[in-house]
């Protein structure tokens, strides 16, 4: 089973990470397993230079898995290979009901935009068809759902309903496999009223 995938978009400093971390606590309380993928345009340095794992990678290891009794991480250098797609990255993760994605803006997934008008930056939603709702610190009349940014549980419930993870007979949307990408995306349900 592939998870439902929802993007969380917004300009730098808008509160994406704060919203995601607050929703993760709520999802866990509901008994849902949720993964998160964060994309960065910057080189990732996850280990101090000179540590054994960094030396193994520099020496040519295909992948290095660093493990402890508390967590593990797999380090994989691309070495000039194309960056894996979102679908490929999701496939690497443990099973979950939902995957939240920050970044991967060119991938065709539904997104909730975190938007604070006081920051003075233009919102994405007027020109980005992937935005299905906006979470904002002020009410907005925008022709799509506007969720209170300071109410993470309400945003999380919206996501649950949007993807039919609440078991409703006629959810707001169904998470279906997008034919072009193979990534489940929320699309309007034919049976939704």
C-alpha atoms as a PDB file:
ATOM      1  CA  UNK A   1       0.000   0.000   0.000  1.00  0.00           C
ATOM      2  CA  UNK A   2       1.361   3.384  -0.974  1.00  0.00           C
ATOM      3  CA  UNK A   3       0.773   6.207   1.485  1.00  0.00           C
ATOM      4  CA  UNK A   4      -1.252   9.306   0.838  1.00  0.00           C
ATOM      5  CA  UNK A   5       1.146  12.120   0.001  1.00  0.00           C
ATOM      6  CA  UNK A   6       0.503  15.767   0.847  1.00  0.00           C
ATOM      7  CA  UNK A   7       2.924  18.627   0.355  1.00  0.00           C
ATOM      8  CA  UNK A   8       3.352  21.503   2.772  1.00  0.00           C
ATOM      9  CA  UNK A   9       4.487  24.571   0.829  1.00  0.00           C
ATOM     10  CA  UNK A  10       5.313  28.151   1.709  1.00  0.00           C
ATOM     11  CA  UNK A  11       8.047  30.716   1.624  1.00  0.00           C
ATOM     12  CA  UNK A  12      11.018  30.565   3.984  1.00  0.00           C
ATOM     13  CA  UNK A  13      10.068  31.473   7.542  1.00  0.00           C
ATOM     14  CA  UNK A  14       6.324  31.019   6.993  1.00  0.00           C
ATOM     15  CA  UNK A  15       5.984  28.263   9.592  1.00  0.00           C
ATOM     16  CA  UNK A  16       6.022  25.038   7.562  1.00  0.00           C
ATOM     17  CA  UNK A  17       8.252  23.143   9.977  1.00  0.00           C
ATOM     18  CA  UNK A  18       6.326  24.371  13.020  1.00  0.00           C
ATOM     19  CA  UNK A  19       3.034  23.234  11.451  1.00  0.00           C
ATOM     20  CA  UNK A  20       4.443  19.844  10.441  1.00  0.00           C
ATOM     21  CA  UNK A  21       5.894  19.124  13.890  1.00  0.00           C
ATOM     22  CA  UNK A  22       2.616  20.093  15.582  1.00  0.00           C
ATOM     23  CA  UNK A  23       0.604  17.899  13.196  1.00  0.00           C
ATOM     24  CA  UNK A  24       2.958  14.952  13.728  1.00  0.00           C
ATOM     25  CA  UNK A  25       2.131  14.933  17.434  1.00  0.00           C
ATOM     26  CA  UNK A  26      -1.602  14.971  16.625  1.00  0.00           C
ATOM     27  CA  UNK A  27      -1.300  12.206  14.005  1.00  0.00           C
ATOM     28  CA  UNK A  28       0.591  10.027  16.496  1.00  0.00           C
ATOM     29  CA  UNK A  29      -2.168  10.545  19.078  1.00  0.00           C
ATOM     30  CA  UNK A  30      -4.638   9.310  16.448  1.00  0.00           C
ATOM     31  CA  UNK A  31      -2.564   6.152  15.919  1.00  0.00           C
ATOM     32  CA  UNK A  32      -1.430   7.074  12.407  1.00  0.00           C
ATOM     33  CA  UNK A  33       2.059   6.453  11.090  1.00  0.00           C
ATOM     34  CA  UNK A  34       3.271   9.500   9.189  1.00  0.00           C
ATOM     35  CA  UNK A  35       6.579   9.897   7.377  1.00  0.00           C
ATOM     36  CA  UNK A  36       8.129  13.219   6.382  1.00  0.00           C
ATOM     37  CA  UNK A  37      10.346  14.005   3.412  1.00  0.00           C
ATOM     38  CA  UNK A  38      12.188  17.330   3.391  1.00  0.00           C
ATOM     39  CA  UNK A  39      13.920  18.348   0.205  1.00  0.00           C
ATOM     40  CA  UNK A  40      16.890  20.682   0.255  1.00  0.00           C
ATOM     41  CA  UNK A  41      18.698  22.413  -2.573  1.00  0.00           C
ATOM     42  CA  UNK A  42      21.841  22.551  -0.442  1.00  0.00           C
ATOM     43  CA  UNK A  43      24.445  19.817   0.068  1.00  0.00           C
ATOM     44  CA  UNK A  44      23.608  17.741   3.136  1.00  0.00           C
ATOM     45  CA  UNK A  45      26.279  17.272   5.769  1.00  0.00           C
ATOM     46  CA  UNK A  46      24.906  14.730   8.214  1.00  0.00           C
ATOM     47  CA  UNK A  47      28.184  13.628   9.712  1.00  0.00           C
ATOM     48  CA  UNK A  48      31.307  15.426  10.894  1.00  0.00           C
ATOM     49  CA  UNK A  49      34.211  15.208   8.434  1.00  0.00           C
ATOM     50  CA  UNK A  50      36.772  12.648   9.518  1.00  0.00           C
ATOM     51  CA  UNK A  51      34.263  10.357  11.243  1.00  0.00           C
ATOM     52  CA  UNK A  52      34.338   6.713  10.148  1.00  0.00           C
ATOM     53  CA  UNK A  53      31.106   6.931   8.144  1.00  0.00           C
ATOM     54  CA  UNK A  54      32.349   9.999   6.244  1.00  0.00           C
ATOM     55  CA  UNK A  55      35.616   8.245   5.503  1.00  0.00           C
ATOM     56  CA  UNK A  56      33.761   5.160   4.219  1.00  0.00           C
ATOM     57  CA  UNK A  57      31.748   7.330   1.812  1.00  0.00           C
ATOM     58  CA  UNK A  58      34.834   9.213   0.663  1.00  0.00           C
ATOM     59  CA  UNK A  59      36.589   5.904   0.044  1.00  0.00           C
ATOM     60  CA  UNK A  60      33.804   4.853  -2.351  1.00  0.00           C
ATOM     61  CA  UNK A  61      31.146   2.938  -0.402  1.00  0.00           C
ATOM     62  CA  UNK A  62      27.874   2.775  -2.362  1.00  0.00           C
ATOM     63  CA  UNK A  63      25.907   3.430   0.823  1.00  0.00           C
ATOM     64  CA  UNK A  64      26.843   3.710   4.465  1.00  0.00           C
ATOM     65  CA  UNK A  65      24.363   2.731   7.155  1.00  0.00           C
ATOM     66  CA  UNK A  66      25.099   4.192  10.565  1.00  0.00           C
ATOM     67  CA  UNK A  67      23.224   2.343  13.311  1.00  0.00           C
ATOM     68  CA  UNK A  68      22.783   2.589  17.048  1.00  0.00           C
ATOM     69  CA  UNK A  69      20.281   1.147  19.521  1.00  0.00           C
ATOM     70  CA  UNK A  70      18.280   4.382  19.081  1.00  0.00           C
ATOM     71  CA  UNK A  71      18.186   5.155  15.325  1.00  0.00           C
ATOM     72  CA  UNK A  72      19.854   4.547  12.018  1.00  0.00           C
ATOM     73  CA  UNK A  73      20.602   6.575   8.914  1.00  0.00           C
ATOM     74  CA  UNK A  74      21.534   5.557   5.398  1.00  0.00           C
ATOM     75  CA  UNK A  75      23.949   7.869   3.618  1.00  0.00           C
ATOM     76  CA  UNK A  76      23.954   7.593  -0.153  1.00  0.00           C
ATOM     77  CA  UNK A  77      26.066   9.838  -2.368  1.00  0.00           C
ATOM     78  CA  UNK A  78      24.648  10.419  -5.838  1.00  0.00           C
ATOM     79  CA  UNK A  79      28.096  10.825  -7.407  1.00  0.00           C
ATOM     80  CA  UNK A  80      26.680  12.601 -10.449  1.00  0.00           C
ATOM     81  CA  UNK A  81      23.627  10.353 -10.847  1.00  0.00           C
ATOM     82  CA  UNK A  82      20.253  12.074 -11.251  1.00  0.00           C
ATOM     83  CA  UNK A  83      18.451  13.013  -8.065  1.00  0.00           C
ATOM     84  CA  UNK A  84      15.856  10.359  -7.178  1.00  0.00           C
ATOM     85  CA  UNK A  85      12.245  11.320  -7.800  1.00  0.00           C
ATOM     86  CA  UNK A  86       9.796  11.802  -4.977  1.00  0.00           C
ATOM     87  CA  UNK A  87       8.241   8.437  -5.854  1.00  0.00           C
ATOM     88  CA  UNK A  88      11.643   6.748  -5.485  1.00  0.00           C
ATOM     89  CA  UNK A  89      12.265   8.475  -2.156  1.00  0.00           C
ATOM     90  CA  UNK A  90       8.830   7.486  -0.807  1.00  0.00           C
ATOM     91  CA  UNK A  91       9.558   3.864  -1.773  1.00  0.00           C
ATOM     92  CA  UNK A  92      12.662   3.922   0.463  1.00  0.00           C
ATOM     93  CA  UNK A  93      10.650   4.798   3.557  1.00  0.00           C
ATOM     94  CA  UNK A  94       8.995   2.445   6.013  1.00  0.00           C
ATOM     95  CA  UNK A  95       5.254   1.850   5.476  1.00  0.00           C
ATOM     96  CA  UNK A  96       2.962   4.665   6.625  1.00  0.00           C
ATOM     97  CA  UNK A  97      -0.584   5.865   6.069  1.00  0.00           C
ATOM     98  CA  UNK A  98       0.592   9.356   5.123  1.00  0.00           C
ATOM     99  CA  UNK A  99       3.761  11.056   3.929  1.00  0.00           C
ATOM    100  CA  UNK A 100       4.123  14.816   4.344  1.00  0.00           C
ATOM    101  CA  UNK A 101       6.494  16.478   1.893  1.00  0.00           C
ATOM    102  CA  UNK A 102       8.265  19.803   2.247  1.00  0.00           C
ATOM    103  CA  UNK A 103       9.857  20.706  -1.055  1.00  0.00           C
ATOM    104  CA  UNK A 104       9.842  18.740  -4.316  1.00  0.00           C
ATOM    105  CA  UNK A 105       7.856  21.662  -5.765  1.00  0.00           C
ATOM    106  CA  UNK A 106       8.035  20.296  -9.320  1.00  0.00           C
ATOM    107  CA  UNK A 107       6.298  17.030  -8.334  1.00  0.00           C
ATOM    108  CA  UNK A 108       2.564  16.737  -9.014  1.00  0.00           C
ATOM    109  CA  UNK A 109       1.169  16.316  -5.507  1.00  0.00           C
ATOM    110  CA  UNK A 110      -1.543  18.234  -3.646  1.00  0.00           C
ATOM    111  CA  UNK A 111      -0.225  20.866  -1.274  1.00  0.00           C
ATOM    112  CA  UNK A 112      -1.337  22.993   1.622  1.00  0.00           C
ATOM    113  CA  UNK A 113       0.315  26.394   1.555  1.00  0.00           C
ATOM    114  CA  UNK A 114       1.440  28.025   4.781  1.00  0.00           C
ATOM    115  CA  UNK A 115       0.920  31.733   4.162  1.00  0.00           C
ATOM    116  CA  UNK A 116       1.423  34.767   6.401  1.00  0.00           C
ATOM    117  CA  UNK A 117       0.400  37.987   4.597  1.00  0.00           C
ATOM    118  CA  UNK A 118       2.374  40.128   7.089  1.00  0.00           C
ATOM    119  CA  UNK A 119       5.627  38.610   5.748  1.00  0.00           C
ATOM    120  CA  UNK A 120       5.082  40.631   2.569  1.00  0.00           C
ATOM    121  CA  UNK A 121       5.818  37.764   0.178  1.00  0.00           C
ATOM    122  CA  UNK A 122       3.470  36.761  -2.612  1.00  0.00           C
ATOM    123  CA  UNK A 123       1.472  33.585  -1.974  1.00  0.00           C
ATOM    124  CA  UNK A 124       1.768  30.539  -4.233  1.00  0.00           C
ATOM    125  CA  UNK A 125      -1.942  29.651  -4.374  1.00  0.00           C
ATOM    126  CA  UNK A 126      -3.069  32.130  -7.064  1.00  0.00           C
ATOM    127  CA  UNK A 127      -0.639  30.648  -9.614  1.00  0.00           C
ATOM    128  CA  UNK A 128      -0.056  27.098  -8.316  1.00  0.00           C
ATOM    129  CA  UNK A 129      -2.827  24.600  -9.111  1.00  0.00           C
ATOM    130  CA  UNK A 130      -1.322  22.036  -6.715  1.00  0.00           C
ATOM    131  CA  UNK A 131      -2.414  24.151  -3.715  1.00  0.00           C
ATOM    132  CA  UNK A 132      -5.665  22.651  -2.385  1.00  0.00           C
ATOM    133  CA  UNK A 133      -5.899  24.728   0.817  1.00  0.00           C
ATOM    134  CA  UNK A 134      -4.105  27.512   2.663  1.00  0.00           C
ATOM    135  CA  UNK A 135      -3.154  27.561   6.348  1.00  0.00           C
ATOM    136  CA  UNK A 136      -2.851  31.177   7.414  1.00  0.00           C
ATOM    137  CA  UNK A 137      -2.570  33.307  10.531  1.00  0.00           C
ATOM    138  CA  UNK A 138      -5.419  35.518   9.234  1.00  0.00           C
ATOM    139  CA  UNK A 139      -8.743  34.603   7.634  1.00  0.00           C
ATOM    140  CA  UNK A 140      -8.629  34.775   3.840  1.00  0.00           C
ATOM    141  CA  UNK A 141     -11.462  34.817   1.302  1.00  0.00           C
ATOM    142  CA  UNK A 142      -9.720  32.948  -1.500  1.00  0.00           C
ATOM    143  CA  UNK A 143     -12.138  30.452  -3.017  1.00  0.00           C
ATOM    144  CA  UNK A 144     -10.501  27.412  -1.386  1.00  0.00           C
ATOM    145  CA  UNK A 145     -10.304  26.130   2.173  1.00  0.00           C
ATOM    146  CA  UNK A 146      -8.447  28.500   4.507  1.00  0.00           C
ATOM    147  CA  UNK A 147      -7.357  26.793   7.704  1.00  0.00           C
ATOM    148  CA  UNK A 148      -6.166  28.445  10.921  1.00  0.00           C
ATOM    149  CA  UNK A 149      -2.393  28.092  11.023  1.00  0.00           C
ATOM    150  CA  UNK A 150      -2.336  28.064  14.837  1.00  0.00           C
ATOM    151  CA  UNK A 151      -4.741  25.094  14.926  1.00  0.00           C
ATOM    152  CA  UNK A 152      -2.544  22.200  13.755  1.00  0.00           C
ATOM    153  CA  UNK A 153      -5.193  19.627  14.708  1.00  0.00           C
ATOM    154  CA  UNK A 154      -7.708  21.311  12.392  1.00  0.00           C
ATOM    155  CA  UNK A 155      -5.202  21.281   9.517  1.00  0.00           C
ATOM    156  CA  UNK A 156      -4.414  17.626  10.253  1.00  0.00           C
ATOM    157  CA  UNK A 157      -8.132  16.725  10.308  1.00  0.00           C
ATOM    158  CA  UNK A 158      -8.490  18.446   6.921  1.00  0.00           C
ATOM    159  CA  UNK A 159      -5.684  16.262   5.533  1.00  0.00           C
ATOM    160  CA  UNK A 160      -7.269  13.121   7.005  1.00  0.00           C
ATOM    161  CA  UNK A 161     -10.602  13.976   5.380  1.00  0.00           C
ATOM    162  CA  UNK A 162      -9.050  15.058   2.090  1.00  0.00           C
ATOM    163  CA  UNK A 163      -7.332  11.725   1.671  1.00  0.00           C
ATOM    164  CA  UNK A 164     -10.124   9.574   3.057  1.00  0.00           C
ATOM    165  CA  UNK A 165      -7.989   8.353   5.953  1.00  0.00           C
ATOM    166  CA  UNK A 166     -10.923   8.927   8.298  1.00  0.00           C
ATOM    167  CA  UNK A 167     -12.875   5.999   6.832  1.00  0.00           C
ATOM    168  CA  UNK A 168     -15.720   8.255   5.700  1.00  0.00           C
ATOM    169  CA  UNK A 169     -17.982   6.752   3.063  1.00  0.00           C
ATOM    170  CA  UNK A 170     -17.738   9.841   0.882  1.00  0.00           C
ATOM    171  CA  UNK A 171     -14.468  11.595   1.739  1.00  0.00           C
ATOM    172  CA  UNK A 172     -13.659  15.059   0.492  1.00  0.00           C
ATOM    173  CA  UNK A 173     -11.205  13.414  -1.858  1.00  0.00           C
ATOM    174  CA  UNK A 174      -9.723  10.055  -2.618  1.00  0.00           C
ATOM    175  CA  UNK A 175      -6.038   9.312  -2.678  1.00  0.00           C
ATOM    176  CA  UNK A 176      -5.546   7.709  -6.054  1.00  0.00           C
ATOM    177  CA  UNK A 177      -2.427   6.770  -7.932  1.00  0.00           C
ATOM    178  CA  UNK A 178      -1.620   9.501 -10.422  1.00  0.00           C
ATOM    179  CA  UNK A 179      -1.133   7.690 -13.695  1.00  0.00           C
ATOM    180  CA  UNK A 180       1.767   9.829 -14.817  1.00  0.00           C
ATOM    181  CA  UNK A 181       3.809   9.601 -11.614  1.00  0.00           C
ATOM    182  CA  UNK A 182       2.469   6.614  -9.727  1.00  0.00           C
ATOM    183  CA  UNK A 183       2.224   8.820  -6.629  1.00  0.00           C
ATOM    184  CA  UNK A 184      -1.091   8.801  -4.783  1.00  0.00           C
ATOM    185  CA  UNK A 185      -2.592  12.238  -4.946  1.00  0.00           C
ATOM    186  CA  UNK A 186      -5.804  13.633  -3.644  1.00  0.00           C
ATOM    187  CA  UNK A 187      -8.334  14.387  -6.340  1.00  0.00           C
ATOM    188  CA  UNK A 188     -11.992  15.298  -6.018  1.00  0.00           C
ATOM    189  CA  UNK A 189     -14.100  12.231  -5.336  1.00  0.00           C
ATOM    190  CA  UNK A 190     -16.816  11.412  -7.847  1.00  0.00           C
ATOM    191  CA  UNK A 191     -19.088  10.581  -4.917  1.00  0.00           C
ATOM    192  CA  UNK A 192     -18.319  13.636  -2.791  1.00  0.00           C
ATOM    193  CA  UNK A 193     -21.155  16.072  -2.369  1.00  0.00           C
END
